Structures are given as structure tokens and as C-alpha cells.
């Protein structure tokens, strides 16, 4: 995957979108693929931004 830098607003928006998809019954791997982030990035963002 291509490396991107995200500003905090983008990260929060992606975390919220991912949580919405997870609540809709999507699998975590599907959500990560849709958001184009790795599981490590997802976890790091969750710890940093706590959304």
C-alpha cells in the first residue's frame, strides 16, 4: 500500500467511519481494506485519538 500522512481531522473521520461500518456488521478486515489502513495503524489511531 502507498504510504499517506493524515491530519488529525482525517484520522478522526476515518475512525468514525470505521466504527460505523463495524456497527453495521462488517468484518474488521473488510473495514480496514475499505479505509486502506493496516490493523496496526487502526489500533495506533484508536489509542492516540480515542474515538
PDB file of N, CA and C in Angstrom:
ATOM      1  N   UNK A   1       0.829  -1.174   0.000  1.00  0.00           N
ATOM      2  CA  UNK A   1       0.000   0.000   0.000  1.00  0.00           C
ATOM      3  C   UNK A   1       0.881   1.247   0.000  1.00  0.00           C
ATOM      4  N   UNK A   2       0.362   2.285  -0.609  1.00  0.00           N
ATOM      5  CA  UNK A   2       1.072   3.552  -0.661  1.00  0.00           C
ATOM      6  C   UNK A   2       0.989   4.241   0.703  1.00  0.00           C
ATOM      7  N   UNK A   3       2.064   4.832   1.138  1.00  0.00           N
ATOM      8  CA  UNK A   3       2.105   5.497   2.433  1.00  0.00           C
ATOM      9  C   UNK A   3       1.496   6.891   2.335  1.00  0.00           C
ATOM     10  N   UNK A   4       0.637   7.201   3.294  1.00  0.00           N
ATOM     11  CA  UNK A   4      -0.009   8.509   3.355  1.00  0.00           C
ATOM     12  C   UNK A   4       0.200   9.111   4.729  1.00  0.00           C
ATOM     13  N   UNK A   5       0.197  10.399   4.792  1.00  0.00           N
ATOM     14  CA  UNK A   5       0.175  11.120   6.059  1.00  0.00           C
ATOM     15  C   UNK A   5      -1.218  11.714   6.190  1.00  0.00           C
ATOM     16  N   UNK A   6      -1.807  11.575   7.349  1.00  0.00           N
ATOM     17  CA  UNK A   6      -3.145  12.090   7.573  1.00  0.00           C
ATOM     18  C   UNK A   6      -3.115  13.135   8.671  1.00  0.00           C
ATOM     19  N   UNK A   7      -3.906  14.174   8.479  1.00  0.00           N
ATOM     20  CA  UNK A   7      -4.049  15.160   9.545  1.00  0.00           C
ATOM     21  C   UNK A   7      -5.071  14.627  10.538  1.00  0.00           C
ATOM     22  N   UNK A   8      -5.089  15.180  11.740  1.00  0.00           N
ATOM     23  CA  UNK A   8      -5.914  14.622  12.811  1.00  0.00           C
ATOM     24  C   UNK A   8      -7.396  14.600  12.453  1.00  0.00           C
ATOM     25  N   UNK A   9      -7.891  15.579  11.710  1.00  0.00           N
ATOM     26  CA  UNK A   9      -9.304  15.579  11.320  1.00  0.00           C
ATOM     27  C   UNK A   9      -9.619  14.396  10.412  1.00  0.00           C
ATOM     28  N   UNK A  10      -8.689  14.081   9.524  1.00  0.00           N
ATOM     29  CA  UNK A  10      -8.888  12.940   8.634  1.00  0.00           C
ATOM     30  C   UNK A  10      -8.889  11.634   9.418  1.00  0.00           C
ATOM     31  N   UNK A  11      -8.007  11.528  10.393  1.00  0.00           N
ATOM     32  CA  UNK A  11      -7.919  10.308  11.201  1.00  0.00           C
ATOM     33  C   UNK A  11      -9.210  10.107  11.974  1.00  0.00           C
ATOM     34  N   UNK A  12      -9.698  11.155  12.603  1.00  0.00           N
ATOM     35  CA  UNK A  12     -10.937  11.054  13.380  1.00  0.00           C
ATOM     36  C   UNK A  12     -12.105  10.679  12.470  1.00  0.00           C
ATOM     37  N   UNK A  13     -12.159  11.272  11.286  1.00  0.00           N
ATOM     38  CA  UNK A  13     -13.229  10.959  10.339  1.00  0.00           C
ATOM     39  C   UNK A  13     -13.176   9.483   9.928  1.00  0.00           C
ATOM     40  N   UNK A  14     -11.970   8.981   9.678  1.00  0.00           N
ATOM     41  CA  UNK A  14     -11.822   7.574   9.287  1.00  0.00           C
ATOM     42  C   UNK A  14     -12.153   6.629  10.439  1.00  0.00           C
ATOM     43  N   UNK A  15     -11.767   7.002  11.652  1.00  0.00           N
ATOM     44  CA  UNK A  15     -12.100   6.172  12.806  1.00  0.00           C
ATOM     45  C   UNK A  15     -13.618   6.090  12.993  1.00  0.00           C
ATOM     46  N   UNK A  16     -14.290   7.218  12.854  1.00  0.00           N
ATOM     47  CA  UNK A  16     -15.754   7.228  12.995  1.00  0.00           C
ATOM     48  C   UNK A  16     -16.415   6.405  11.892  1.00  0.00           C
ATOM     49  N   UNK A  17     -15.922   6.544  10.670  1.00  0.00           N
ATOM     50  CA  UNK A  17     -16.471   5.767   9.567  1.00  0.00           C
ATOM     51  C   UNK A  17     -16.246   4.271   9.806  1.00  0.00           C
ATOM     52  N   UNK A  18     -15.056   3.919  10.279  1.00  0.00           N
ATOM     53  CA  UNK A  18     -14.762   2.518  10.569  1.00  0.00           C
ATOM     54  C   UNK A  18     -15.640   1.962  11.667  1.00  0.00           C
ATOM     55  N   UNK A  19     -15.860   2.734  12.726  1.00  0.00           N
ATOM     56  CA  UNK A  19     -16.743   2.292  13.805  1.00  0.00           C
ATOM     57  C   UNK A  19     -18.170   2.100  13.304  1.00  0.00           C
ATOM     58  N   UNK A  20     -18.620   3.009  12.425  1.00  0.00           N
ATOM     59  CA  UNK A  20     -19.963   2.881  11.851  1.00  0.00           C
ATOM     60  C   UNK A  20     -20.087   1.588  11.047  1.00  0.00           C
ATOM     61  N   UNK A  21     -19.069   1.299  10.240  1.00  0.00           N
ATOM     62  CA  UNK A  21     -19.086   0.077   9.436  1.00  0.00           C
ATOM     63  C   UNK A  21     -19.057  -1.166  10.328  1.00  0.00           C
ATOM     64  N   UNK A  22     -18.261  -1.128  11.395  1.00  0.00           N
ATOM     65  CA  UNK A  22     -18.213  -2.263  12.318  1.00  0.00           C
ATOM     66  C   UNK A  22     -19.566  -2.471  12.996  1.00  0.00           C
ATOM     67  N   UNK A  23     -20.237  -1.375  13.361  1.00  0.00           N
ATOM     68  CA  UNK A  23     -21.553  -1.479  13.980  1.00  0.00           C
ATOM     69  C   UNK A  23     -22.608  -1.979  13.006  1.00  0.00           C
ATOM     70  N   UNK A  24     -22.381  -1.765  11.713  1.00  0.00           N
ATOM     71  CA  UNK A  24     -23.296  -2.267  10.685  1.00  0.00           C
ATOM     72  C   UNK A  24     -23.077  -3.740  10.390  1.00  0.00           C
ATOM     73  N   UNK A  25     -22.098  -4.366  11.074  1.00  0.00           N
ATOM     74  CA  UNK A  25     -21.882  -5.794  10.923  1.00  0.00           C
ATOM     75  C   UNK A  25     -20.754  -6.187   9.994  1.00  0.00           C
ATOM     76  N   UNK A  26     -19.991  -5.217   9.524  1.00  0.00           N
ATOM     77  CA  UNK A  26     -18.851  -5.546   8.659  1.00  0.00           C
ATOM     78  C   UNK A  26     -17.731  -6.169   9.492  1.00  0.00           C
ATOM     79  N   UNK A  27     -16.943  -7.010   8.849  1.00  0.00           N
ATOM     80  CA  UNK A  27     -15.780  -7.626   9.479  1.00  0.00           C
ATOM     81  C   UNK A  27     -14.648  -6.606   9.528  1.00  0.00           C
ATOM     82  N   UNK A  28     -13.783  -6.708  10.530  1.00  0.00           N
ATOM     83  CA  UNK A  28     -12.681  -5.754  10.697  1.00  0.00           C
ATOM     84  C   UNK A  28     -11.788  -5.720   9.467  1.00  0.00           C
ATOM     85  N   UNK A  29     -11.511  -6.881   8.875  1.00  0.00           N
ATOM     86  CA  UNK A  29     -10.646  -6.899   7.689  1.00  0.00           C
ATOM     87  C   UNK A  29     -11.292  -6.150   6.529  1.00  0.00           C
ATOM     88  N   UNK A  30     -12.607  -6.250   6.382  1.00  0.00           N
ATOM     89  CA  UNK A  30     -13.303  -5.514   5.333  1.00  0.00           C
ATOM     90  C   UNK A  30     -13.226  -4.015   5.581  1.00  0.00           C
ATOM     91  N   UNK A  31     -13.387  -3.617   6.830  1.00  0.00           N
ATOM     92  CA  UNK A  31     -13.331  -2.203   7.190  1.00  0.00           C
ATOM     93  C   UNK A  31     -11.944  -1.650   6.916  1.00  0.00           C
ATOM     94  N   UNK A  32     -10.915  -2.376   7.324  1.00  0.00           N
ATOM     95  CA  UNK A  32      -9.545  -1.923   7.109  1.00  0.00           C
ATOM     96  C   UNK A  32      -9.227  -1.815   5.625  1.00  0.00           C
ATOM     97  N   UNK A  33      -9.715  -2.752   4.844  1.00  0.00           N
ATOM     98  CA  UNK A  33      -9.490  -2.714   3.401  1.00  0.00           C
ATOM     99  C   UNK A  33     -10.202  -1.504   2.800  1.00  0.00           C
ATOM    100  N   UNK A  34     -11.426  -1.231   3.259  1.00  0.00           N
ATOM    101  CA  UNK A  34     -12.192  -0.084   2.762  1.00  0.00           C
ATOM    102  C   UNK A  34     -11.493   1.233   3.102  1.00  0.00           C
ATOM    103  N   UNK A  35     -10.965   1.326   4.326  1.00  0.00           N
ATOM    104  CA  UNK A  35     -10.290   2.542   4.766  1.00  0.00           C
ATOM    105  C   UNK A  35      -8.861   2.641   4.260  1.00  0.00           C
ATOM    106  N   UNK A  36      -8.334   1.539   3.729  1.00  0.00           N
ATOM    107  CA  UNK A  36      -6.971   1.449   3.205  1.00  0.00           C
ATOM    108  C   UNK A  36      -5.936   1.749   4.281  1.00  0.00           C
ATOM    109  N   UNK A  37      -6.102   1.105   5.455  1.00  0.00           N
ATOM    110  CA  UNK A  37      -5.134   1.208   6.543  1.00  0.00           C
ATOM    111  C   UNK A  37      -4.850  -0.187   7.071  1.00  0.00           C
ATOM    112  N   UNK A  38      -3.716  -0.339   7.734  1.00  0.00           N
ATOM    113  CA  UNK A  38      -3.369  -1.624   8.323  1.00  0.00           C
ATOM    114  C   UNK A  38      -4.001  -1.733   9.707  1.00  0.00           C
ATOM    115  N   UNK A  39      -4.012  -2.940  10.237  1.00  0.00           N
ATOM    116  CA  UNK A  39      -4.558  -3.146  11.572  1.00  0.00           C
ATOM    117  C   UNK A  39      -3.725  -2.419  12.623  1.00  0.00           C
ATOM    118  N   UNK A  40      -2.402  -2.371  12.420  1.00  0.00           N
ATOM    119  CA  UNK A  40      -1.531  -1.663  13.353  1.00  0.00           C
ATOM    120  C   UNK A  40      -1.859  -0.166  13.365  1.00  0.00           C
ATOM    121  N   UNK A  41      -2.092   0.391  12.188  1.00  0.00           N
ATOM    122  CA  UNK A  41      -2.452   1.806  12.103  1.00  0.00           C
ATOM    123  C   UNK A  41      -3.792   2.055  12.773  1.00  0.00           C
ATOM    124  N   UNK A  42      -4.763   1.191  12.526  1.00  0.00           N
ATOM    125  CA  UNK A  42      -6.093   1.303  13.138  1.00  0.00           C
ATOM    126  C   UNK A  42      -5.976   1.316  14.666  1.00  0.00           C
ATOM    127  N   UNK A  43      -5.199   0.401  15.215  1.00  0.00           N
ATOM    128  CA  UNK A  43      -5.031   0.322  16.665  1.00  0.00           C
ATOM    129  C   UNK A  43      -4.292   1.537  17.218  1.00  0.00           C
ATOM    130  N   UNK A  44      -3.263   1.981  16.509  1.00  0.00           N
ATOM    131  CA  UNK A  44      -2.499   3.152  16.949  1.00  0.00           C
ATOM    132  C   UNK A  44      -3.375   4.391  16.950  1.00  0.00           C
ATOM    133  N   UNK A  45      -4.153   4.578  15.881  1.00  0.00           N
ATOM    134  CA  UNK A  45      -5.058   5.714  15.814  1.00  0.00           C
ATOM    135  C   UNK A  45      -6.089   5.652  16.941  1.00  0.00           C
ATOM    136  N   UNK A  46      -6.615   4.461  17.205  1.00  0.00           N
ATOM    137  CA  UNK A  46      -7.592   4.315  18.276  1.00  0.00           C
ATOM    138  C   UNK A  46      -7.011   4.686  19.631  1.00  0.00           C
ATOM    139  N   UNK A  47      -5.760   4.303  19.862  1.00  0.00           N
ATOM    140  CA  UNK A  47      -5.101   4.649  21.131  1.00  0.00           C
ATOM    141  C   UNK A  47      -4.781   6.138  21.214  1.00  0.00           C
ATOM    142  N   UNK A  48      -4.368   6.727  20.106  1.00  0.00           N
ATOM    143  CA  UNK A  48      -3.987   8.131  20.116  1.00  0.00           C
ATOM    144  C   UNK A  48      -5.182   9.062  20.196  1.00  0.00           C
ATOM    145  N   UNK A  49      -6.229   8.759  19.433  1.00  0.00           N
ATOM    146  CA  UNK A  49      -7.359   9.679  19.307  1.00  0.00           C
ATOM    147  C   UNK A  49      -8.565   9.245  20.131  1.00  0.00           C
ATOM    148  N   UNK A  50      -8.599   8.006  20.556  1.00  0.00           N
ATOM    149  CA  UNK A  50      -9.635   7.520  21.463  1.00  0.00           C
ATOM    150  C   UNK A  50     -11.061   7.778  21.020  1.00  0.00           C
ATOM    151  N   UNK A  51     -11.316   7.655  19.760  1.00  0.00           N
ATOM    152  CA  UNK A  51     -12.676   7.883  19.245  1.00  0.00           C
ATOM    153  C   UNK A  51     -13.465   6.618  19.352  1.00  0.00           C
TER     154      UNK A  51
END
